[in-house]
PDB file of N, CA and C in Angstrom:
ATOM      1  N   MET A   1     -21.559  18.630  -3.762  1.00  0.00           N
ATOM      2  CA  MET A   1     -20.512  17.726  -3.123  1.00  0.00           C
ATOM      3  C   MET A   1     -20.316  16.466  -3.985  1.00  0.00           C
ATOM      4  N   SER A   2     -19.082  16.365  -4.445  1.00  0.00           N
ATOM      5  CA  SER A   2     -18.647  15.186  -5.167  1.00  0.00           C
ATOM      6  C   SER A   2     -18.295  13.910  -4.268  1.00  0.00           C
ATOM      7  N   GLU A   3     -18.614  12.782  -4.730  1.00  0.00           N
ATOM      8  CA  GLU A   3     -18.311  11.552  -4.163  1.00  0.00           C
ATOM      9  C   GLU A   3     -16.862  11.195  -4.640  1.00  0.00           C
ATOM     10  N   GLU A   4     -16.032  10.816  -3.626  1.00  0.00           N
ATOM     11  CA  GLU A   4     -14.755  10.390  -3.892  1.00  0.00           C
ATOM     12  C   GLU A   4     -14.830   8.949  -4.257  1.00  0.00           C
ATOM     13  N   ARG A   5     -13.945   8.536  -5.149  1.00  0.00           N
ATOM     14  CA  ARG A   5     -13.802   7.244  -5.461  1.00  0.00           C
ATOM     15  C   ARG A   5     -13.088   6.369  -4.509  1.00  0.00           C
ATOM     16  N   HIS A   6     -13.636   5.112  -4.174  1.00  0.00           N
ATOM     17  CA  HIS A   6     -12.945   4.221  -3.101  1.00  0.00           C
ATOM     18  C   HIS A   6     -12.422   3.080  -3.886  1.00  0.00           C
ATOM     19  N   TYR A   7     -11.308   2.634  -3.426  1.00  0.00           N
ATOM     20  CA  TYR A   7     -10.652   1.561  -3.925  1.00  0.00           C
ATOM     21  C   TYR A   7     -10.622   0.318  -3.020  1.00  0.00           C
ATOM     22  N   SER A   8     -10.532  -0.822  -3.587  1.00  0.00           N
ATOM     23  CA  SER A   8     -10.439  -2.105  -2.715  1.00  0.00           C
ATOM     24  C   SER A   8      -9.022  -2.479  -2.565  1.00  0.00           C
ATOM     25  N   VAL A   9      -8.630  -3.272  -1.566  1.00  0.00           N
ATOM     26  CA  VAL A   9      -7.292  -3.747  -1.395  1.00  0.00           C
ATOM     27  C   VAL A   9      -6.708  -4.423  -2.623  1.00  0.00           C
ATOM     28  N   GLN A  10      -7.536  -5.227  -3.321  1.00  0.00           N
ATOM     29  CA  GLN A  10      -7.100  -5.885  -4.507  1.00  0.00           C
ATOM     30  C   GLN A  10      -6.798  -4.909  -5.665  1.00  0.00           C
ATOM     31  N   GLU A  11      -7.526  -3.861  -5.797  1.00  0.00           N
ATOM     32  CA  GLU A  11      -7.354  -2.851  -6.876  1.00  0.00           C
ATOM     33  C   GLU A  11      -6.058  -2.148  -6.625  1.00  0.00           C
ATOM     34  N   ILE A  12      -5.773  -1.785  -5.434  1.00  0.00           N
ATOM     35  CA  ILE A  12      -4.498  -1.029  -5.133  1.00  0.00           C
ATOM     36  C   ILE A  12      -3.225  -1.974  -5.328  1.00  0.00           C
ATOM     37  N   ALA A  13      -3.356  -3.251  -4.765  1.00  0.00           N
ATOM     38  CA  ALA A  13      -2.366  -4.214  -4.918  1.00  0.00           C
ATOM     39  C   ALA A  13      -2.016  -4.437  -6.469  1.00  0.00           C
ATOM     40  N   ALA A  14      -2.962  -4.526  -7.295  1.00  0.00           N
ATOM     41  CA  ALA A  14      -2.653  -4.677  -8.680  1.00  0.00           C
ATOM     42  C   ALA A  14      -1.979  -3.522  -9.168  1.00  0.00           C
ATOM     43  N   ALA A  15      -2.458  -2.282  -8.910  1.00  0.00           N
ATOM     44  CA  ALA A  15      -1.841  -1.083  -9.458  1.00  0.00           C
ATOM     45  C   ALA A  15      -0.408  -0.905  -8.980  1.00  0.00           C
ATOM     46  N   TRP A  16      -0.066  -1.225  -7.695  1.00  0.00           N
ATOM     47  CA  TRP A  16       1.194  -1.030  -7.120  1.00  0.00           C
ATOM     48  C   TRP A  16       2.144  -2.226  -7.351  1.00  0.00           C
ATOM     49  N   GLY A  17       1.556  -3.300  -7.868  1.00  0.00           N
ATOM     50  CA  GLY A  17       2.380  -4.498  -8.164  1.00  0.00           C
ATOM     51  C   GLY A  17       2.858  -5.259  -6.893  1.00  0.00           C
ATOM     52  N   THR A  18       2.012  -5.311  -5.801  1.00  0.00           N
ATOM     53  CA  THR A  18       2.373  -5.984  -4.641  1.00  0.00           C
ATOM     54  C   THR A  18       1.148  -6.832  -4.168  1.00  0.00           C
ATOM     55  N   ASP A  19       1.241  -7.572  -3.222  1.00  0.00           N
ATOM     56  CA  ASP A  19       0.148  -8.530  -2.757  1.00  0.00           C
ATOM     57  C   ASP A  19      -0.800  -7.822  -1.800  1.00  0.00           C
ATOM     58  N   SER A  20      -1.942  -8.363  -1.706  1.00  0.00           N
ATOM     59  CA  SER A  20      -3.013  -7.678  -0.916  1.00  0.00           C
ATOM     60  C   SER A  20      -2.678  -7.665   0.550  1.00  0.00           C
ATOM     61  N   GLY A  21      -1.975  -8.623   1.053  1.00  0.00           N
ATOM     62  CA  GLY A  21      -1.627  -8.612   2.470  1.00  0.00           C
ATOM     63  C   GLY A  21      -0.698  -7.395   2.760  1.00  0.00           C
ATOM     64  N   THR A  22       0.233  -7.036   1.884  1.00  0.00           N
ATOM     65  CA  THR A  22       1.080  -5.856   2.198  1.00  0.00           C
ATOM     66  C   THR A  22       0.191  -4.629   2.116  1.00  0.00           C
ATOM     67  N   ILE A  23      -0.741  -4.481   1.177  1.00  0.00           N
ATOM     68  CA  ILE A  23      -1.616  -3.317   1.020  1.00  0.00           C
ATOM     69  C   ILE A  23      -2.444  -3.135   2.299  1.00  0.00           C
ATOM     70  N   ARG A  24      -3.056  -4.313   2.680  1.00  0.00           N
ATOM     71  CA  ARG A  24      -3.860  -4.402   3.917  1.00  0.00           C
ATOM     72  C   ARG A  24      -3.084  -3.827   5.191  1.00  0.00           C
ATOM     73  N   ARG A  25      -1.736  -4.177   5.310  1.00  0.00           N
ATOM     74  CA  ARG A  25      -0.971  -3.661   6.457  1.00  0.00           C
ATOM     75  C   ARG A  25      -0.733  -2.182   6.293  1.00  0.00           C
ATOM     76  N   TYR A  26      -0.552  -1.770   5.098  1.00  0.00           N
ATOM     77  CA  TYR A  26      -0.253  -0.277   4.863  1.00  0.00           C
ATOM     78  C   TYR A  26      -1.567   0.512   5.337  1.00  0.00           C
ATOM     79  N   PHE A  27      -2.809  -0.002   4.979  1.00  0.00           N
ATOM     80  CA  PHE A  27      -3.917   0.903   5.174  1.00  0.00           C
ATOM     81  C   PHE A  27      -4.840   0.594   6.318  1.00  0.00           C
ATOM     82  N   ILE A  28      -4.655  -0.541   7.032  1.00  0.00           N
ATOM     83  CA  ILE A  28      -5.622  -0.880   8.098  1.00  0.00           C
ATOM     84  C   ILE A  28      -5.796   0.123   9.218  1.00  0.00           C
ATOM     85  N   ASN A  29      -4.562   0.822   9.454  1.00  0.00           N
ATOM     86  CA  ASN A  29      -4.823   1.790  10.585  1.00  0.00           C
ATOM     87  C   ASN A  29      -4.822   3.338  10.050  1.00  0.00           C
ATOM     88  N   GLU A  30      -4.844   3.473   8.780  1.00  0.00           N
ATOM     89  CA  GLU A  30      -4.847   4.829   8.163  1.00  0.00           C
ATOM     90  C   GLU A  30      -6.138   5.564   8.526  1.00  0.00           C
ATOM     91  N   GLU A  31      -5.994   6.850   8.744  1.00  0.00           N
ATOM     92  CA  GLU A  31      -7.231   7.736   8.951  1.00  0.00           C
ATOM     93  C   GLU A  31      -7.914   7.834   7.655  1.00  0.00           C
ATOM     94  N   GLY A  32      -9.291   7.688   7.669  1.00  0.00           N
ATOM     95  CA  GLY A  32     -10.122   7.905   6.492  1.00  0.00           C
ATOM     96  C   GLY A  32     -10.423   6.624   5.832  1.00  0.00           C
ATOM     97  N   VAL A  33      -9.825   5.452   6.198  1.00  0.00           N
ATOM     98  CA  VAL A  33     -10.187   4.251   5.568  1.00  0.00           C
ATOM     99  C   VAL A  33     -11.392   3.666   6.221  1.00  0.00           C
ATOM    100  N   GLU A  34     -12.443   3.268   5.524  1.00  0.00           N
ATOM    101  CA  GLU A  34     -13.633   2.607   6.034  1.00  0.00           C
ATOM    102  C   GLU A  34     -13.354   1.128   6.151  1.00  0.00           C
ATOM    103  N   LYS A  35     -13.608   0.748   7.335  1.00  0.00           N
ATOM    104  CA  LYS A  35     -13.543  -0.759   7.684  1.00  0.00           C
ATOM    105  C   LYS A  35     -14.848  -1.384   7.825  1.00  0.00           C
ATOM    106  N   ILE A  36     -15.206  -2.331   6.926  1.00  0.00           N
ATOM    107  CA  ILE A  36     -16.405  -2.990   7.070  1.00  0.00           C
ATOM    108  C   ILE A  36     -16.219  -4.474   7.611  1.00  0.00           C
ATOM    109  N   ALA A  37     -16.923  -4.790   8.649  1.00  0.00           N
ATOM    110  CA  ALA A  37     -16.662  -6.061   9.215  1.00  0.00           C
ATOM    111  C   ALA A  37     -17.227  -7.150   8.366  1.00  0.00           C
ATOM    112  N   CYS A  38     -16.493  -8.273   8.163  1.00  0.00           N
ATOM    113  CA  CYS A  38     -16.809  -9.467   7.364  1.00  0.00           C
ATOM    114  C   CYS A  38     -16.545 -10.697   8.153  1.00  0.00           C
ATOM    115  N   SER A  39     -17.521 -11.423   8.378  1.00  0.00           N
ATOM    116  CA  SER A  39     -17.175 -12.638   9.145  1.00  0.00           C
ATOM    117  C   SER A  39     -17.075 -13.822   8.170  1.00  0.00           C
ATOM    118  N   ALA A  40     -15.800 -14.553   8.242  1.00  0.00           N
ATOM    119  CA  ALA A  40     -15.653 -15.661   7.379  1.00  0.00           C
ATOM    120  C   ALA A  40     -16.507 -16.710   7.924  1.00  0.00           C
ATOM    121  N   THR A  41     -17.077 -17.658   7.212  1.00  0.00           N
ATOM    122  CA  THR A  41     -17.955 -18.695   7.675  1.00  0.00           C
ATOM    123  C   THR A  41     -17.114 -19.756   8.485  1.00  0.00           C
ATOM    124  N   ARG A  42     -15.981 -20.040   8.069  1.00  0.00           N
ATOM    125  CA  ARG A  42     -15.190 -21.092   8.587  1.00  0.00           C
ATOM    126  C   ARG A  42     -14.058 -20.610   9.506  1.00  0.00           C
ATOM    127  N   SER A  43     -14.122 -19.301   9.952  1.00  0.00           N
ATOM    128  CA  SER A  43     -13.059 -18.796  10.684  1.00  0.00           C
ATOM    129  C   SER A  43     -13.681 -18.118  11.898  1.00  0.00           C
ATOM    130  N   ARG A  44     -12.854 -18.220  12.966  1.00  0.00           N
ATOM    131  CA  ARG A  44     -13.329 -17.611  14.270  1.00  0.00           C
ATOM    132  C   ARG A  44     -12.773 -16.092  14.342  1.00  0.00           C
ATOM    133  N   TYR A  45     -12.030 -15.617  13.521  1.00  0.00           N
ATOM    134  CA  TYR A  45     -11.521 -14.367  13.377  1.00  0.00           C
ATOM    135  C   TYR A  45     -12.384 -13.399  12.563  1.00  0.00           C
ATOM    136  N   LEU A  46     -12.483 -12.244  12.915  1.00  0.00           N
ATOM    137  CA  LEU A  46     -13.132 -11.168  12.229  1.00  0.00           C
ATOM    138  C   LEU A  46     -12.189 -10.531  11.175  1.00  0.00           C
ATOM    139  N   ARG A  47     -12.764 -10.461  10.012  1.00  0.00           N
ATOM    140  CA  ARG A  47     -12.023  -9.972   8.866  1.00  0.00           C
ATOM    141  C   ARG A  47     -12.654  -8.626   8.449  1.00  0.00           C
ATOM    142  N   TRP A  48     -11.705  -7.730   8.149  1.00  0.00           N
ATOM    143  CA  TRP A  48     -12.229  -6.277   7.670  1.00  0.00           C
ATOM    144  C   TRP A  48     -12.077  -6.208   6.119  1.00  0.00           C
ATOM    145  N   ARG A  49     -13.107  -5.774   5.437  1.00  0.00           N
ATOM    146  CA  ARG A  49     -13.081  -5.276   4.186  1.00  0.00           C
ATOM    147  C   ARG A  49     -12.800  -3.858   4.197  1.00  0.00           C
ATOM    148  N   LEU A  50     -11.739  -3.440   3.494  1.00  0.00           N
ATOM    149  CA  LEU A  50     -11.407  -1.963   3.567  1.00  0.00           C
ATOM    150  C   LEU A  50     -11.911  -1.349   2.232  1.00  0.00           C
ATOM    151  N   SER A  51     -12.420  -0.064   2.472  1.00  0.00           N
ATOM    152  CA  SER A  51     -12.734   0.744   1.406  1.00  0.00           C
ATOM    153  C   SER A  51     -11.895   2.017   1.468  1.00  0.00           C
ATOM    154  N   ILE A  52     -10.924   2.191   0.648  1.00  0.00           N
ATOM    155  CA  ILE A  52     -10.024   3.152   0.753  1.00  0.00           C
ATOM    156  C   ILE A  52     -10.245   4.325  -0.143  1.00  0.00           C
ATOM    157  N   PRO A  53     -10.467   5.584   0.323  1.00  0.00           N
ATOM    158  CA  PRO A  53     -10.604   6.678  -0.632  1.00  0.00           C
ATOM    159  C   PRO A  53      -9.459   7.077  -1.324  1.00  0.00           C
ATOM    160  N   GLU A  54      -9.620   7.672  -2.432  1.00  0.00           N
ATOM    161  CA  GLU A  54      -8.609   8.110  -3.412  1.00  0.00           C
ATOM    162  C   GLU A  54      -7.545   9.086  -2.704  1.00  0.00           C
ATOM    163  N   SER A  55      -8.086   9.909  -1.853  1.00  0.00           N
ATOM    164  CA  SER A  55      -7.255  10.983  -1.224  1.00  0.00           C
ATOM    165  C   SER A  55      -6.217  10.102  -0.209  1.00  0.00           C
ATOM    166  N   VAL A  56      -6.659   9.047   0.323  1.00  0.00           N
ATOM    167  CA  VAL A  56      -5.823   8.367   1.277  1.00  0.00           C
ATOM    168  C   VAL A  56      -4.811   7.545   0.526  1.00  0.00           C
ATOM    169  N   VAL A  57      -5.175   6.879  -0.636  1.00  0.00           N
ATOM    170  CA  VAL A  57      -4.261   6.230  -1.413  1.00  0.00           C
ATOM    171  C   VAL A  57      -3.243   7.214  -1.895  1.00  0.00           C
ATOM    172  N   THR A  58      -3.554   8.460  -2.301  1.00  0.00           N
ATOM    173  CA  THR A  58      -2.567   9.367  -2.755  1.00  0.00           C
ATOM    174  C   THR A  58      -1.692   9.816  -1.661  1.00  0.00           C
ATOM    175  N   ARG A  59      -2.186  10.040  -0.459  1.00  0.00           N
ATOM    176  CA  ARG A  59      -1.469  10.452   0.571  1.00  0.00           C
ATOM    177  C   ARG A  59      -0.443   9.427   0.987  1.00  0.00           C
ATOM    178  N   VAL A  60      -0.833   8.094   1.079  1.00  0.00           N
ATOM    179  CA  VAL A  60       0.177   7.060   1.517  1.00  0.00           C
ATOM    180  C   VAL A  60       1.184   6.844   0.427  1.00  0.00           C
ATOM    181  N   HIS A  61       0.729   6.984  -0.813  1.00  0.00           N
ATOM    182  CA  HIS A  61       1.636   6.767  -1.980  1.00  0.00           C
ATOM    183  C   HIS A  61       2.788   7.888  -1.986  1.00  0.00           C
ATOM    184  N   ILE A  62       2.335   9.129  -1.677  1.00  0.00           N
ATOM    185  CA  ILE A  62       3.282  10.173  -1.599  1.00  0.00           C
ATOM    186  C   ILE A  62       4.380  10.016  -0.497  1.00  0.00           C
ATOM    187  N   ALA A  63       3.850   9.462   0.653  1.00  0.00           N
ATOM    188  CA  ALA A  63       4.602   9.319   1.870  1.00  0.00           C
ATOM    189  C   ALA A  63       5.653   8.188   1.548  1.00  0.00           C
ATOM    190  N   PHE A  64       5.298   7.200   0.820  1.00  0.00           N
ATOM    191  CA  PHE A  64       6.232   6.042   0.627  1.00  0.00           C
ATOM    192  C   PHE A  64       7.245   6.542  -0.429  1.00  0.00           C
ATOM    193  N   ARG A  65       6.810   7.368  -1.461  1.00  0.00           N
ATOM    194  CA  ARG A  65       7.712   7.837  -2.385  1.00  0.00           C
ATOM    195  C   ARG A  65       8.805   8.842  -1.718  1.00  0.00           C
ATOM    196  N   GLN A  66       8.450   9.495  -0.701  1.00  0.00           N
ATOM    197  CA  GLN A  66       9.323  10.489  -0.071  1.00  0.00           C
ATOM    198  C   GLN A  66      10.195   9.571   0.792  1.00  0.00           C
ATOM    199  N   LYS A  67       9.806   8.639   1.539  1.00  0.00           N
ATOM    200  CA  LYS A  67      10.693   7.706   2.314  1.00  0.00           C
ATOM    201  C   LYS A  67      11.651   7.106   1.466  1.00  0.00           C
ATOM    202  N   GLU A  68      11.308   6.671   0.208  1.00  0.00           N
ATOM    203  CA  GLU A  68      12.236   5.888  -0.704  1.00  0.00           C
ATOM    204  C   GLU A  68      13.328   6.818  -1.166  1.00  0.00           C
ATOM    205  N   ARG A  69      13.005   8.104  -1.304  1.00  0.00           N
ATOM    206  CA  ARG A  69      14.023   9.110  -1.779  1.00  0.00           C
ATOM    207  C   ARG A  69      14.954   9.458  -0.720  1.00  0.00           C
ATOM    208  N   ARG A  70      14.532   9.377   0.597  1.00  0.00           N
ATOM    209  CA  ARG A  70      15.445   9.732   1.687  1.00  0.00           C
ATOM    210  C   ARG A  70      16.263   8.470   2.158  1.00  0.00           C
ATOM    211  N   HIS A  71      15.788   7.370   1.812  1.00  0.00           N
ATOM    212  CA  HIS A  71      16.426   6.237   2.437  1.00  0.00           C
ATOM    213  C   HIS A  71      17.870   6.053   1.734  1.00  0.00           C
ATOM    214  N   PRO A  72      18.911   5.889   2.666  1.00  0.00           N
ATOM    215  CA  PRO A  72      20.228   5.801   2.179  1.00  0.00           C
ATOM    216  C   PRO A  72      20.669   4.592   1.482  1.00  0.00           C
ATOM    217  N   PHE A  73      19.929   3.615   1.604  1.00  0.00           N
ATOM    218  CA  PHE A  73      20.441   2.323   0.840  1.00  0.00           C
ATOM    219  C   PHE A  73      19.772   1.889  -0.312  1.00  0.00           C
ATOM    220  N   THR A  74      19.105   2.836  -0.969  1.00  0.00           N
ATOM    221  CA  THR A  74      18.316   2.594  -2.204  1.00  0.00           C
ATOM    222  C   THR A  74      18.810   3.467  -3.285  1.00  0.00           C
ATOM    223  N   ARG A  75      18.824   3.118  -4.456  1.00  0.00           N
ATOM    224  CA  ARG A  75      19.176   3.951  -5.658  1.00  0.00           C
ATOM    225  C   ARG A  75      18.286   3.297  -6.786  1.00  0.00           C
ATOM    226  N   ARG A  76      18.203   4.146  -7.775  1.00  0.00           N
ATOM    227  CA  ARG A  76      17.471   3.619  -9.044  1.00  0.00           C
ATOM    228  C   ARG A  76      18.567   3.470 -10.079  1.00  0.00           C
ATOM    229  N   ASP A  77      18.187   2.387 -10.863  1.00  0.00           N
ATOM    230  CA  ASP A  77      19.006   2.014 -12.016  1.00  0.00           C
ATOM    231  C   ASP A  77      18.555   2.856 -13.268  1.00  0.00           C
ATOM    232  N   GLN A  78      19.026   2.629 -14.403  1.00  0.00           N
ATOM    233  CA  GLN A  78      18.681   3.333 -15.560  1.00  0.00           C
ATOM    234  C   GLN A  78      17.319   3.179 -16.079  1.00  0.00           C
ATOM    235  N   LYS A  79      16.770   2.027 -15.607  1.00  0.00           N
ATOM    236  CA  LYS A  79      15.258   1.753 -15.957  1.00  0.00           C
ATOM    237  C   LYS A  79      14.406   2.394 -15.010  1.00  0.00           C
ATOM    238  N   GLY A  80      14.942   2.956 -13.778  1.00  0.00           N
ATOM    239  CA  GLY A  80      14.085   3.504 -12.850  1.00  0.00           C
ATOM    240  C   GLY A  80      13.608   2.524 -11.782  1.00  0.00           C
ATOM    241  N   GLU A  81      14.247   1.284 -11.823  1.00  0.00           N
ATOM    242  CA  GLU A  81      13.897   0.334 -10.740  1.00  0.00           C
ATOM    243  C   GLU A  81      14.823   0.575  -9.499  1.00  0.00           C
ATOM    244  N   VAL A  82      14.197   0.414  -8.540  1.00  0.00           N
ATOM    245  CA  VAL A  82      14.930   0.580  -7.115  1.00  0.00           C
ATOM    246  C   VAL A  82      15.887  -0.532  -6.857  1.00  0.00           C
ATOM    247  N   ARG A  83      17.039  -0.253  -6.655  1.00  0.00           N
ATOM    248  CA  ARG A  83      18.065  -1.231  -6.243  1.00  0.00           C
ATOM    249  C   ARG A  83      18.606  -0.953  -4.914  1.00  0.00           C
ATOM    250  N   SER A  84      18.959  -2.017  -4.174  1.00  0.00           N
ATOM    251  CA  SER A  84      19.534  -1.700  -2.865  1.00  0.00           C
ATOM    252  C   SER A  84      21.042  -1.643  -3.000  1.00  0.00           C
ATOM    253  N   ARG A  85      21.677  -0.595  -2.474  1.00  0.00           N
ATOM    254  CA  ARG A  85      22.964  -0.401  -2.485  1.00  0.00           C
ATOM    255  C   ARG A  85      23.809  -1.456  -1.759  1.00  0.00           C
ATOM    256  N   MET A  86      23.194  -2.014  -0.724  1.00  0.00           N
ATOM    257  CA  MET A  86      23.814  -3.060   0.061  1.00  0.00           C
ATOM    258  C   MET A  86      24.054  -4.277  -0.847  1.00  0.00           C
ATOM    259  N   ALA A  87      23.086  -4.631  -1.607  1.00  0.00           N
ATOM    260  CA  ALA A  87      23.042  -5.753  -2.533  1.00  0.00           C
ATOM    261  C   ALA A  87      24.016  -5.552  -3.623  1.00  0.00           C
ATOM    262  N   SER A  88      24.002  -4.366  -4.257  1.00  0.00           N
ATOM    263  CA  SER A  88      24.881  -4.173  -5.449  1.00  0.00           C
ATOM    264  C   SER A  88      26.435  -4.001  -4.936  1.00  0.00           C
ATOM    265  N   SER A  89      26.594  -3.512  -3.737  1.00  0.00           N
ATOM    266  CA  SER A  89      27.997  -3.399  -3.280  1.00  0.00           C
ATOM    267  C   SER A  89      28.660  -4.774  -2.978  1.00  0.00           C
ATOM    268  N   ALA A  90      27.789  -5.786  -2.718  1.00  0.00           N
ATOM    269  CA  ALA A  90      28.141  -7.104  -2.440  1.00  0.00           C
ATOM    270  C   ALA A  90      28.611  -7.887  -3.579  1.00  0.00           C
ATOM    271  N   THR A  91      28.203  -7.412  -4.856  1.00  0.00           N
ATOM    272  CA  THR A  91      28.522  -8.220  -5.991  1.00  0.00           C
ATOM    273  C   THR A  91      29.607  -7.628  -6.793  1.00  0.00           C
TER     274      THR A  91
END
């Protein structure tokens, strides 16, 4: 039985080029993500440290790529960057 690699929120945020809050929102309720309770010393709120398996990262990434392809208001420019059709038609 092989152990699957687990990623932190910060590792995925750096790889995907977004902030950790966005990644946390994407994965907090995903099946297979391990949530470890961490209490902040000066906070009355419970904070969760997420341990995200590689299979879950791949599944979510594929789902977002498929949504992006189907979305009617996005397109890619020559460099492969996503551009909004709404924004480009206004200029």
